[in-house]
């Protein structure tokens, strides 16, 4: 159920959107990884796709929702390996 505080949070988070700020669209050499949950209203898959497509070394990571803790842990491990690969 949505209420005024949900809408206020949505408006506030939208201000941080890279798309809204105009920072997406040009390809850059900086590696970018973006993870998302299906149907997440605050970090939609479309924005994650825009983020990763703006990088010549982008990775899109869909994180399954159930079971939450196991999948979140798996995602963190995958993100860690991705970062390590680019730092070494």
PDB file of N, CA and C in Angstrom:
ATOM      1  N   UNK A   1       0.845  -1.176   0.000  1.00  0.00           N
ATOM      2  CA  UNK A   1       0.000   0.000   0.000  1.00  0.00           C
ATOM      3  C   UNK A   1       0.893   1.243   0.000  1.00  0.00           C
ATOM      4  N   UNK A   2       0.594   2.181  -0.878  1.00  0.00           N
ATOM      5  CA  UNK A   2       1.366   3.410  -0.979  1.00  0.00           C
ATOM      6  C   UNK A   2       0.739   4.485  -0.108  1.00  0.00           C
ATOM      7  N   UNK A   3       1.584   5.297   0.479  1.00  0.00           N
ATOM      8  CA  UNK A   3       1.086   6.455   1.207  1.00  0.00           C
ATOM      9  C   UNK A   3       1.992   7.637   0.890  1.00  0.00           C
ATOM     10  N   UNK A   4       1.769   8.759   1.553  1.00  0.00           N
ATOM     11  CA  UNK A   4       2.518   9.979   1.262  1.00  0.00           C
ATOM     12  C   UNK A   4       4.009   9.796   1.493  1.00  0.00           C
ATOM     13  N   UNK A   5       4.391   9.038   2.518  1.00  0.00           N
ATOM     14  CA  UNK A   5       5.819   8.858   2.786  1.00  0.00           C
ATOM     15  C   UNK A   5       6.482   8.023   1.698  1.00  0.00           C
ATOM     16  N   UNK A   6       5.769   7.049   1.121  1.00  0.00           N
ATOM     17  CA  UNK A   6       6.308   6.279  -0.007  1.00  0.00           C
ATOM     18  C   UNK A   6       6.562   7.193  -1.196  1.00  0.00           C
ATOM     19  N   UNK A   7       5.610   8.056  -1.473  1.00  0.00           N
ATOM     20  CA  UNK A   7       5.757   8.963  -2.611  1.00  0.00           C
ATOM     21  C   UNK A   7       6.885   9.961  -2.366  1.00  0.00           C
ATOM     22  N   UNK A   8       7.004  10.462  -1.152  1.00  0.00           N
ATOM     23  CA  UNK A   8       8.092  11.387  -0.831  1.00  0.00           C
ATOM     24  C   UNK A   8       9.445  10.705  -1.000  1.00  0.00           C
ATOM     25  N   UNK A   9       9.549   9.456  -0.573  1.00  0.00           N
ATOM     26  CA  UNK A   9      10.793   8.706  -0.735  1.00  0.00           C
ATOM     27  C   UNK A   9      11.094   8.488  -2.212  1.00  0.00           C
ATOM     28  N   UNK A  10      10.096   8.162  -2.996  1.00  0.00           N
ATOM     29  CA  UNK A  10      10.282   7.954  -4.440  1.00  0.00           C
ATOM     30  C   UNK A  10      10.804   9.238  -5.099  1.00  0.00           C
ATOM     31  N   UNK A  11      10.223  10.374  -4.754  1.00  0.00           N
ATOM     32  CA  UNK A  11      10.661  11.659  -5.315  1.00  0.00           C
ATOM     33  C   UNK A  11      12.099  11.947  -4.907  1.00  0.00           C
ATOM     34  N   UNK A  12      12.416  11.724  -3.647  1.00  0.00           N
ATOM     35  CA  UNK A  12      13.776  11.988  -3.152  1.00  0.00           C
ATOM     36  C   UNK A  12      14.795  11.086  -3.838  1.00  0.00           C
ATOM     37  N   UNK A  13      14.504   9.800  -3.946  1.00  0.00           N
ATOM     38  CA  UNK A  13      15.443   8.875  -4.590  1.00  0.00           C
ATOM     39  C   UNK A  13      15.595   9.170  -6.074  1.00  0.00           C
ATOM     40  N   UNK A  14      14.552   9.657  -6.713  1.00  0.00           N
ATOM     41  CA  UNK A  14      14.626   9.987  -8.133  1.00  0.00           C
ATOM     42  C   UNK A  14      15.662  11.079  -8.397  1.00  0.00           C
ATOM     43  N   UNK A  15      15.892  11.931  -7.415  1.00  0.00           N
ATOM     44  CA  UNK A  15      16.894  12.991  -7.573  1.00  0.00           C
ATOM     45  C   UNK A  15      18.295  12.424  -7.747  1.00  0.00           C
ATOM     46  N   UNK A  16      18.525  11.219  -7.240  1.00  0.00           N
ATOM     47  CA  UNK A  16      19.842  10.587  -7.343  1.00  0.00           C
ATOM     48  C   UNK A  16      19.984   9.752  -8.610  1.00  0.00           C
ATOM     49  N   UNK A  17      18.954   9.691  -9.404  1.00  0.00           N
ATOM     50  CA  UNK A  17      18.971   8.887 -10.626  1.00  0.00           C
ATOM     51  C   UNK A  17      20.018   9.414 -11.598  1.00  0.00           C
ATOM     52  N   UNK A  18      20.909   8.526 -12.045  1.00  0.00           N
ATOM     53  CA  UNK A  18      21.916   8.916 -13.033  1.00  0.00           C
ATOM     54  C   UNK A  18      21.254   9.319 -14.344  1.00  0.00           C
ATOM     55  N   UNK A  19      20.143   8.687 -14.654  1.00  0.00           N
ATOM     56  CA  UNK A  19      19.400   9.015 -15.871  1.00  0.00           C
ATOM     57  C   UNK A  19      18.851  10.436 -15.787  1.00  0.00           C
ATOM     58  N   UNK A  20      18.229  10.765 -14.663  1.00  0.00           N
ATOM     59  CA  UNK A  20      17.656  12.099 -14.472  1.00  0.00           C
ATOM     60  C   UNK A  20      18.754  13.164 -14.501  1.00  0.00           C
ATOM     61  N   UNK A  21      19.930  12.835 -13.974  1.00  0.00           N
ATOM     62  CA  UNK A  21      21.043  13.781 -13.947  1.00  0.00           C
ATOM     63  C   UNK A  21      21.735  13.924 -15.303  1.00  0.00           C
ATOM     64  N   UNK A  22      21.367  13.090 -16.272  1.00  0.00           N
ATOM     65  CA  UNK A  22      21.966  13.177 -17.598  1.00  0.00           C
ATOM     66  C   UNK A  22      23.364  12.592 -17.688  1.00  0.00           C
ATOM     67  N   UNK A  23      23.708  11.693 -16.778  1.00  0.00           N
ATOM     68  CA  UNK A  23      25.056  11.127 -16.754  1.00  0.00           C
ATOM     69  C   UNK A  23      25.183   9.832 -17.546  1.00  0.00           C
ATOM     70  N   UNK A  24      24.096   9.368 -18.117  1.00  0.00           N
ATOM     71  CA  UNK A  24      24.140   8.128 -18.890  1.00  0.00           C
ATOM     72  C   UNK A  24      23.971   8.435 -20.374  1.00  0.00           C
ATOM     73  N   UNK A  25      24.447   7.524 -21.192  1.00  0.00           N
ATOM     74  CA  UNK A  25      24.250   7.674 -22.624  1.00  0.00           C
ATOM     75  C   UNK A  25      25.542   7.651 -23.406  1.00  0.00           C
ATOM     76  N   UNK A  26      26.625   8.173 -22.840  1.00  0.00           N
ATOM     77  CA  UNK A  26      27.920   8.123 -23.512  1.00  0.00           C
ATOM     78  C   UNK A  26      28.699   6.942 -22.977  1.00  0.00           C
ATOM     79  N   UNK A  27      29.403   6.228 -23.854  1.00  0.00           N
ATOM     80  CA  UNK A  27      30.210   5.085 -23.411  1.00  0.00           C
ATOM     81  C   UNK A  27      31.501   5.602 -22.805  1.00  0.00           C
ATOM     82  N   UNK A  28      31.861   5.035 -21.676  1.00  0.00           N
ATOM     83  CA  UNK A  28      33.097   5.416 -21.010  1.00  0.00           C
ATOM     84  C   UNK A  28      33.899   4.155 -20.688  1.00  0.00           C
ATOM     85  N   UNK A  29      35.212   4.295 -20.461  1.00  0.00           N
ATOM     86  CA  UNK A  29      36.048   3.126 -20.185  1.00  0.00           C
ATOM     87  C   UNK A  29      35.946   2.621 -18.746  1.00  0.00           C
ATOM     88  N   UNK A  30      35.299   3.363 -17.888  1.00  0.00           N
ATOM     89  CA  UNK A  30      35.198   2.973 -16.483  1.00  0.00           C
ATOM     90  C   UNK A  30      34.307   1.743 -16.331  1.00  0.00           C
ATOM     91  N   UNK A  31      34.811   0.681 -15.676  1.00  0.00           N
ATOM     92  CA  UNK A  31      33.968  -0.501 -15.452  1.00  0.00           C
ATOM     93  C   UNK A  31      32.785  -0.151 -14.547  1.00  0.00           C
ATOM     94  N   UNK A  32      31.613  -0.634 -14.898  1.00  0.00           N
ATOM     95  CA  UNK A  32      30.422  -0.386 -14.085  1.00  0.00           C
ATOM     96  C   UNK A  32      29.638  -1.673 -13.931  1.00  0.00           C
ATOM     97  N   UNK A  33      29.233  -1.941 -12.717  1.00  0.00           N
ATOM     98  CA  UNK A  33      28.378  -3.080 -12.412  1.00  0.00           C
ATOM     99  C   UNK A  33      27.110  -2.538 -11.781  1.00  0.00           C
ATOM    100  N   UNK A  34      25.989  -3.057 -12.209  1.00  0.00           N
ATOM    101  CA  UNK A  34      24.721  -2.643 -11.617  1.00  0.00           C
ATOM    102  C   UNK A  34      23.880  -3.878 -11.342  1.00  0.00           C
ATOM    103  N   UNK A  35      23.434  -3.990 -10.110  1.00  0.00           N
ATOM    104  CA  UNK A  35      22.580  -5.098  -9.709  1.00  0.00           C
ATOM    105  C   UNK A  35      21.165  -4.609  -9.461  1.00  0.00           C
ATOM    106  N   UNK A  36      20.216  -5.513  -9.663  1.00  0.00           N
ATOM    107  CA  UNK A  36      18.819  -5.128  -9.472  1.00  0.00           C
ATOM    108  C   UNK A  36      17.986  -6.335  -9.084  1.00  0.00           C
ATOM    109  N   UNK A  37      16.864  -6.058  -8.432  1.00  0.00           N
ATOM    110  CA  UNK A  37      15.822  -7.047  -8.179  1.00  0.00           C
ATOM    111  C   UNK A  37      14.701  -6.772  -9.162  1.00  0.00           C
ATOM    112  N   UNK A  38      14.031  -7.808  -9.623  1.00  0.00           N
ATOM    113  CA  UNK A  38      12.875  -7.628 -10.507  1.00  0.00           C
ATOM    114  C   UNK A  38      11.819  -6.779  -9.801  1.00  0.00           C
ATOM    115  N   UNK A  39      11.216  -5.886 -10.554  1.00  0.00           N
ATOM    116  CA  UNK A  39      10.107  -5.042 -10.080  1.00  0.00           C
ATOM    117  C   UNK A  39      10.472  -4.147  -8.909  1.00  0.00           C
ATOM    118  N   UNK A  40      11.745  -3.780  -8.780  1.00  0.00           N
ATOM    119  CA  UNK A  40      12.163  -2.858  -7.721  1.00  0.00           C
ATOM    120  C   UNK A  40      11.810  -1.438  -8.167  1.00  0.00           C
ATOM    121  N   UNK A  41      10.911  -0.748  -7.462  1.00  0.00           N
ATOM    122  CA  UNK A  41      10.497   0.586  -7.904  1.00  0.00           C
ATOM    123  C   UNK A  41      11.578   1.653  -7.724  1.00  0.00           C
ATOM    124  N   UNK A  42      12.560   1.408  -6.866  1.00  0.00           N
ATOM    125  CA  UNK A  42      13.571   2.419  -6.593  1.00  0.00           C
ATOM    126  C   UNK A  42      14.842   2.235  -7.412  1.00  0.00           C
ATOM    127  N   UNK A  43      15.063   1.054  -7.933  1.00  0.00           N
ATOM    128  CA  UNK A  43      16.223   0.784  -8.783  1.00  0.00           C
ATOM    129  C   UNK A  43      15.789  -0.182  -9.884  1.00  0.00           C
ATOM    130  N   UNK A  44      15.050   0.327 -10.859  1.00  0.00           N
ATOM    131  CA  UNK A  44      14.480  -0.553 -11.876  1.00  0.00           C
ATOM    132  C   UNK A  44      15.534  -1.149 -12.818  1.00  0.00           C
ATOM    133  N   UNK A  45      15.197  -2.275 -13.380  1.00  0.00           N
ATOM    134  CA  UNK A  45      16.092  -2.967 -14.313  1.00  0.00           C
ATOM    135  C   UNK A  45      16.503  -2.053 -15.469  1.00  0.00           C
ATOM    136  N   UNK A  46      15.599  -1.232 -15.958  1.00  0.00           N
ATOM    137  CA  UNK A  46      15.905  -0.355 -17.088  1.00  0.00           C
ATOM    138  C   UNK A  46      17.073   0.572 -16.766  1.00  0.00           C
ATOM    139  N   UNK A  47      17.108   1.113 -15.543  1.00  0.00           N
ATOM    140  CA  UNK A  47      18.215   1.998 -15.172  1.00  0.00           C
ATOM    141  C   UNK A  47      19.512   1.218 -15.043  1.00  0.00           C
ATOM    142  N   UNK A  48      19.444  -0.006 -14.519  1.00  0.00           N
ATOM    143  CA  UNK A  48      20.643  -0.832 -14.441  1.00  0.00           C
ATOM    144  C   UNK A  48      21.182  -1.119 -15.835  1.00  0.00           C
ATOM    145  N   UNK A  49      20.294  -1.380 -16.772  1.00  0.00           N
ATOM    146  CA  UNK A  49      20.725  -1.622 -18.155  1.00  0.00           C
ATOM    147  C   UNK A  49      21.379  -0.374 -18.747  1.00  0.00           C
ATOM    148  N   UNK A  50      20.820   0.790 -18.475  1.00  0.00           N
ATOM    149  CA  UNK A  50      21.422   2.034 -18.959  1.00  0.00           C
ATOM    150  C   UNK A  50      22.816   2.232 -18.370  1.00  0.00           C
ATOM    151  N   UNK A  51      22.954   1.946 -17.084  1.00  0.00           N
ATOM    152  CA  UNK A  51      24.254   2.101 -16.423  1.00  0.00           C
ATOM    153  C   UNK A  51      25.293   1.208 -17.083  1.00  0.00           C
ATOM    154  N   UNK A  52      24.981  -0.069 -17.225  1.00  0.00           N
ATOM    155  CA  UNK A  52      25.971  -1.001 -17.767  1.00  0.00           C
ATOM    156  C   UNK A  52      26.233  -0.761 -19.249  1.00  0.00           C
ATOM    157  N   UNK A  53      25.245  -0.299 -19.990  1.00  0.00           N
ATOM    158  CA  UNK A  53      25.474  -0.036 -21.412  1.00  0.00           C
ATOM    159  C   UNK A  53      26.269   1.243 -21.630  1.00  0.00           C
ATOM    160  N   UNK A  54      26.404   2.075 -20.602  1.00  0.00           N
ATOM    161  CA  UNK A  54      27.200   3.291 -20.707  1.00  0.00           C
ATOM    162  C   UNK A  54      28.681   3.027 -20.477  1.00  0.00           C
ATOM    163  N   UNK A  55      29.025   1.794 -20.193  1.00  0.00           N
ATOM    164  CA  UNK A  55      30.417   1.424 -19.938  1.00  0.00           C
ATOM    165  C   UNK A  55      30.887   0.423 -20.985  1.00  0.00           C
ATOM    166  N   UNK A  56      32.148   0.550 -21.384  1.00  0.00           N
ATOM    167  CA  UNK A  56      32.704  -0.444 -22.307  1.00  0.00           C
ATOM    168  C   UNK A  56      32.980  -1.755 -21.580  1.00  0.00           C
ATOM    169  N   UNK A  57      32.944  -1.725 -20.244  1.00  0.00           N
ATOM    170  CA  UNK A  57      33.146  -2.928 -19.429  1.00  0.00           C
ATOM    171  C   UNK A  57      32.045  -3.001 -18.374  1.00  0.00           C
ATOM    172  N   UNK A  58      30.794  -3.092 -18.828  1.00  0.00           N
ATOM    173  CA  UNK A  58      29.663  -3.116 -17.910  1.00  0.00           C
ATOM    174  C   UNK A  58      29.178  -4.524 -17.627  1.00  0.00           C
ATOM    175  N   UNK A  59      28.643  -4.716 -16.428  1.00  0.00           N
ATOM    176  CA  UNK A  59      28.068  -6.009 -16.049  1.00  0.00           C
ATOM    177  C   UNK A  59      26.720  -5.766 -15.392  1.00  0.00           C
ATOM    178  N   UNK A  60      25.715  -6.463 -15.890  1.00  0.00           N
ATOM    179  CA  UNK A  60      24.363  -6.396 -15.346  1.00  0.00           C
ATOM    180  C   UNK A  60      24.147  -7.629 -14.484  1.00  0.00           C
ATOM    181  N   UNK A  61      23.737  -7.420 -13.248  1.00  0.00           N
ATOM    182  CA  UNK A  61      23.569  -8.524 -12.303  1.00  0.00           C
ATOM    183  C   UNK A  61      22.140  -8.534 -11.773  1.00  0.00           C
ATOM    184  N   UNK A  62      21.370  -9.517 -12.221  1.00  0.00           N
ATOM    185  CA  UNK A  62      20.022  -9.694 -11.672  1.00  0.00           C
ATOM    186  C   UNK A  62      20.142 -10.527 -10.408  1.00  0.00           C
ATOM    187  N   UNK A  63      19.578 -10.043  -9.322  1.00  0.00           N
ATOM    188  CA  UNK A  63      19.633 -10.735  -8.038  1.00  0.00           C
ATOM    189  C   UNK A  63      18.256 -11.339  -7.773  1.00  0.00           C
ATOM    190  N   UNK A  64      18.144 -12.667  -7.795  1.00  0.00           N
ATOM    191  CA  UNK A  64      16.849 -13.290  -7.493  1.00  0.00           C
ATOM    192  C   UNK A  64      16.397 -12.917  -6.078  1.00  0.00           C
ATOM    193  N   UNK A  65      15.098 -12.776  -5.890  1.00  0.00           N
ATOM    194  CA  UNK A  65      14.603 -12.302  -4.595  1.00  0.00           C
ATOM    195  C   UNK A  65      14.547 -13.394  -3.532  1.00  0.00           C
ATOM    196  N   UNK A  66      14.058 -14.568  -3.879  1.00  0.00           N
ATOM    197  CA  UNK A  66      13.913 -15.627  -2.862  1.00  0.00           C
ATOM    198  C   UNK A  66      14.896 -16.750  -3.092  1.00  0.00           C
ATOM    199  N   UNK A  67      15.549 -17.221  -2.081  1.00  0.00           N
ATOM    200  CA  UNK A  67      15.626 -16.736  -0.706  1.00  0.00           C
ATOM    201  C   UNK A  67      16.533 -15.503  -0.622  1.00  0.00           C
ATOM    202  N   UNK A  68      16.073 -14.498   0.042  1.00  0.00           N
ATOM    203  CA  UNK A  68      16.717 -13.186   0.056  1.00  0.00           C
ATOM    204  C   UNK A  68      18.153 -13.247   0.552  1.00  0.00           C
ATOM    205  N   UNK A  69      18.374 -13.783   1.740  1.00  0.00           N
ATOM    206  CA  UNK A  69      19.711 -13.730   2.334  1.00  0.00           C
ATOM    207  C   UNK A  69      20.735 -14.506   1.522  1.00  0.00           C
ATOM    208  N   UNK A  70      20.379 -15.678   1.057  1.00  0.00           N
ATOM    209  CA  UNK A  70      21.329 -16.480   0.275  1.00  0.00           C
ATOM    210  C   UNK A  70      21.658 -15.785  -1.048  1.00  0.00           C
ATOM    211  N   UNK A  71      20.649 -15.284  -1.724  1.00  0.00           N
ATOM    212  CA  UNK A  71      20.884 -14.619  -3.004  1.00  0.00           C
ATOM    213  C   UNK A  71      21.636 -13.309  -2.842  1.00  0.00           C
ATOM    214  N   UNK A  72      21.364 -12.587  -1.767  1.00  0.00           N
ATOM    215  CA  UNK A  72      22.098 -11.353  -1.507  1.00  0.00           C
ATOM    216  C   UNK A  72      23.565 -11.677  -1.229  1.00  0.00           C
ATOM    217  N   UNK A  73      23.824 -12.722  -0.451  1.00  0.00           N
ATOM    218  CA  UNK A  73      25.196 -13.144  -0.174  1.00  0.00           C
ATOM    219  C   UNK A  73      25.894 -13.578  -1.466  1.00  0.00           C
ATOM    220  N   UNK A  74      25.217 -14.352  -2.299  1.00  0.00           N
ATOM    221  CA  UNK A  74      25.795 -14.765  -3.584  1.00  0.00           C
ATOM    222  C   UNK A  74      26.124 -13.556  -4.453  1.00  0.00           C
ATOM    223  N   UNK A  75      25.233 -12.582  -4.471  1.00  0.00           N
ATOM    224  CA  UNK A  75      25.473 -11.374  -5.263  1.00  0.00           C
ATOM    225  C   UNK A  75      26.683 -10.614  -4.734  1.00  0.00           C
ATOM    226  N   UNK A  76      26.803 -10.495  -3.413  1.00  0.00           N
ATOM    227  CA  UNK A  76      27.965  -9.806  -2.838  1.00  0.00           C
ATOM    228  C   UNK A  76      29.263 -10.520  -3.193  1.00  0.00           C
ATOM    229  N   UNK A  77      29.255 -11.840  -3.184  1.00  0.00           N
ATOM    230  CA  UNK A  77      30.453 -12.594  -3.559  1.00  0.00           C
ATOM    231  C   UNK A  77      30.793 -12.379  -5.033  1.00  0.00           C
ATOM    232  N   UNK A  78      29.787 -12.380  -5.886  1.00  0.00           N
ATOM    233  CA  UNK A  78      30.030 -12.152  -7.310  1.00  0.00           C
ATOM    234  C   UNK A  78      30.556 -10.738  -7.562  1.00  0.00           C
ATOM    235  N   UNK A  79      29.996  -9.763  -6.864  1.00  0.00           N
ATOM    236  CA  UNK A  79      30.458  -8.378  -6.988  1.00  0.00           C
ATOM    237  C   UNK A  79      31.908  -8.265  -6.532  1.00  0.00           C
ATOM    238  N   UNK A  80      32.238  -8.932  -5.432  1.00  0.00           N
ATOM    239  CA  UNK A  80      33.613  -8.910  -4.919  1.00  0.00           C
ATOM    240  C   UNK A  80      34.582  -9.481  -5.944  1.00  0.00           C
ATOM    241  N   UNK A  81      34.240 -10.618  -6.552  1.00  0.00           N
ATOM    242  CA  UNK A  81      35.105 -11.215  -7.584  1.00  0.00           C
ATOM    243  C   UNK A  81      35.250 -10.273  -8.777  1.00  0.00           C
ATOM    244  N   UNK A  82      34.166  -9.620  -9.163  1.00  0.00           N
ATOM    245  CA  UNK A  82      34.191  -8.696 -10.296  1.00  0.00           C
ATOM    246  C   UNK A  82      35.144  -7.532 -10.010  1.00  0.00           C
ATOM    247  N   UNK A  83      35.071  -6.988  -8.810  1.00  0.00           N
ATOM    248  CA  UNK A  83      35.954  -5.876  -8.433  1.00  0.00           C
ATOM    249  C   UNK A  83      37.403  -6.348  -8.364  1.00  0.00           C
ATOM    250  N   UNK A  84      37.650  -7.490  -7.721  1.00  0.00           N
ATOM    251  CA  UNK A  84      39.013  -8.019  -7.609  1.00  0.00           C
ATOM    252  C   UNK A  84      39.647  -8.215  -8.980  1.00  0.00           C
ATOM    253  N   UNK A  85      38.883  -8.723  -9.920  1.00  0.00           N
ATOM    254  CA  UNK A  85      39.393  -8.974 -11.273  1.00  0.00           C
ATOM    255  C   UNK A  85      39.866  -7.677 -11.926  1.00  0.00           C
ATOM    256  N   UNK A  86      39.199  -6.583 -11.644  1.00  0.00           N
ATOM    257  CA  UNK A  86      39.555  -5.310 -12.255  1.00  0.00           C
ATOM    258  C   UNK A  86      40.661  -4.582 -11.507  1.00  0.00           C
ATOM    259  N   UNK A  87      40.882  -4.932 -10.264  1.00  0.00           N
ATOM    260  CA  UNK A  87      41.941  -4.283  -9.481  1.00  0.00           C
ATOM    261  C   UNK A  87      43.290  -4.976  -9.620  1.00  0.00           C
ATOM    262  N   UNK A  88      43.278  -6.256  -9.960  1.00  0.00           N
ATOM    263  CA  UNK A  88      44.540  -7.011 -10.030  1.00  0.00           C
ATOM    264  C   UNK A  88      45.120  -7.039 -11.420  1.00  0.00           C
TER     265      UNK A  88
END
